[in-house]
Amino acid sequence: MSDLKITQTKSVISEKRNQRETLRTLGLRRIGQSTVRPDNPQVRGMIRTVAHLVAVEEVD
């Protein structure tokens, strides 16, 4: 399986609490910060929740 590089592109100010907590769970705290996570259904679901706040790319 490949990995996903997730980068926060927008602020969480005025977003719902579950979206803020999802970003924290992914390991993102500030705009421009990136993290690498495994490509699995749990991570894909979290990305779907905050899709408007992050950019995702596949990494080998």
Protein backbone atom coordinates (compact mmCIF):
# COMPACT_ATOMS: atom_id res chain seq x y z
CA MET A 1 0.00 0.00 0.00
CA SER A 2 1.12 3.53 -0.63
CA ASP A 3 1.08 6.47 1.72
CA LEU A 4 -0.76 9.77 1.55
CA LYS A 5 0.86 13.15 2.14
CA ILE A 6 -1.74 15.43 3.70
CA THR A 7 -1.11 19.19 3.83
CA GLN A 8 -3.34 21.69 5.62
CA THR A 9 -4.19 24.52 3.22
CA LYS A 10 -6.85 26.50 5.07
CA SER A 11 -7.54 27.68 8.60
CA VAL A 12 -9.82 25.85 11.03
CA ILE A 13 -11.22 29.10 12.44
CA SER A 14 -15.03 29.05 12.20
CA GLU A 15 -15.07 25.35 11.30
CA LYS A 16 -17.08 22.75 13.20
CA ARG A 17 -15.55 21.10 16.24
CA ASN A 18 -15.42 17.64 14.67
CA GLN A 19 -13.44 19.04 11.72
CA ARG A 20 -10.92 20.73 14.05
CA GLU A 21 -10.53 17.49 16.00
CA THR A 22 -10.13 15.47 12.81
CA LEU A 23 -7.24 17.68 11.71
CA ARG A 24 -5.61 17.21 15.12
CA THR A 25 -6.06 13.45 14.81
CA LEU A 26 -4.33 13.56 11.43
CA GLY A 27 -1.46 15.44 13.10
CA LEU A 28 -2.05 18.87 11.54
CA ARG A 29 -1.89 22.03 13.63
CA ARG A 30 -1.15 24.91 11.26
CA ILE A 31 -1.48 25.96 7.64
CA GLY A 32 1.27 24.55 5.46
CA GLN A 33 2.08 21.67 7.79
CA SER A 34 2.22 18.21 6.20
CA THR A 35 2.01 14.68 7.48
CA VAL A 36 2.31 11.25 5.87
CA ARG A 37 -0.31 8.64 6.73
CA PRO A 38 -0.99 5.13 5.40
CA ASP A 39 -3.64 4.82 2.70
CA ASN A 40 -6.44 2.95 4.47
CA PRO A 41 -10.22 3.40 4.83
CA GLN A 42 -9.95 5.11 8.24
CA VAL A 43 -7.60 7.81 6.98
CA ARG A 44 -9.62 8.24 3.78
CA GLY A 45 -12.72 8.87 5.92
CA MET A 46 -10.92 11.52 7.96
CA ILE A 47 -9.71 13.19 4.77
CA ARG A 48 -13.27 13.21 3.42
CA THR A 49 -14.40 15.05 6.56
CA VAL A 50 -11.87 17.87 6.07
CA ALA A 51 -11.42 17.73 2.29
CA HIS A 52 -12.05 21.47 1.92
CA LEU A 53 -9.18 22.25 4.34
CA VAL A 54 -6.44 19.93 3.06
CA ALA A 55 -4.55 18.91 -0.07
CA VAL A 56 -3.73 15.22 -0.56
CA GLU A 57 -1.14 13.53 -2.74
CA GLU A 58 0.08 9.96 -3.00
CA VAL A 59 3.63 9.11 -1.93
CA ASP A 60 5.45 5.86 -2.65
